[in-house]
Amino acid sequence: NVLEYPLTPTPSLGVFFQAMSSKCRLSNTVLEFGIGEGRFLKHHLQQGYCAIGVDAVPDVIFKVQNANQKLVTARKLHLVSAAIAAGPEDAQRMVPFYESHCGPSWNSMMRTVACRPCSSTWTATSCAVRP
């Protein structure tokens, strides 16, 4: 599936920390872009870290948020649905985001990443256009 996202300049980390518990500091907070199924975040949250997760697919954010509602409520986990601009020149344009049939780990702004075969036996295109 291809989604079109406007790219905007990334806010400073301070904006994210304002939504977090006062116990969350830069030294004990994990920041992950492209959270997929949230395994990396979950591991670090179980170790006592705070976490900020960013993913361009709203459904991914929704699933991870529902699975970790207590940590979201406690303000130890902050989730953001956003696509990140590579640089200031990208901030005002729309770019495609490809959602892979192989799973959220393969979602990408690069068609060659998201649309590659899921396995060596997979022959069909593994992503499709979504309006």
Foldseek 3Di string as FASTA:
>chain_A
DKDKAQAAADDDCVVLCVQADPVADPVQEAEEEQCFQPPVVVVSVVVVGAYEYEYQDPVSQVNVCVVPVVCVVNRSYHYYHHDHDPDPVRNGDIAMWWAFQLGSVQTGSDLCRRQDANDPPGDDGGTDDDD
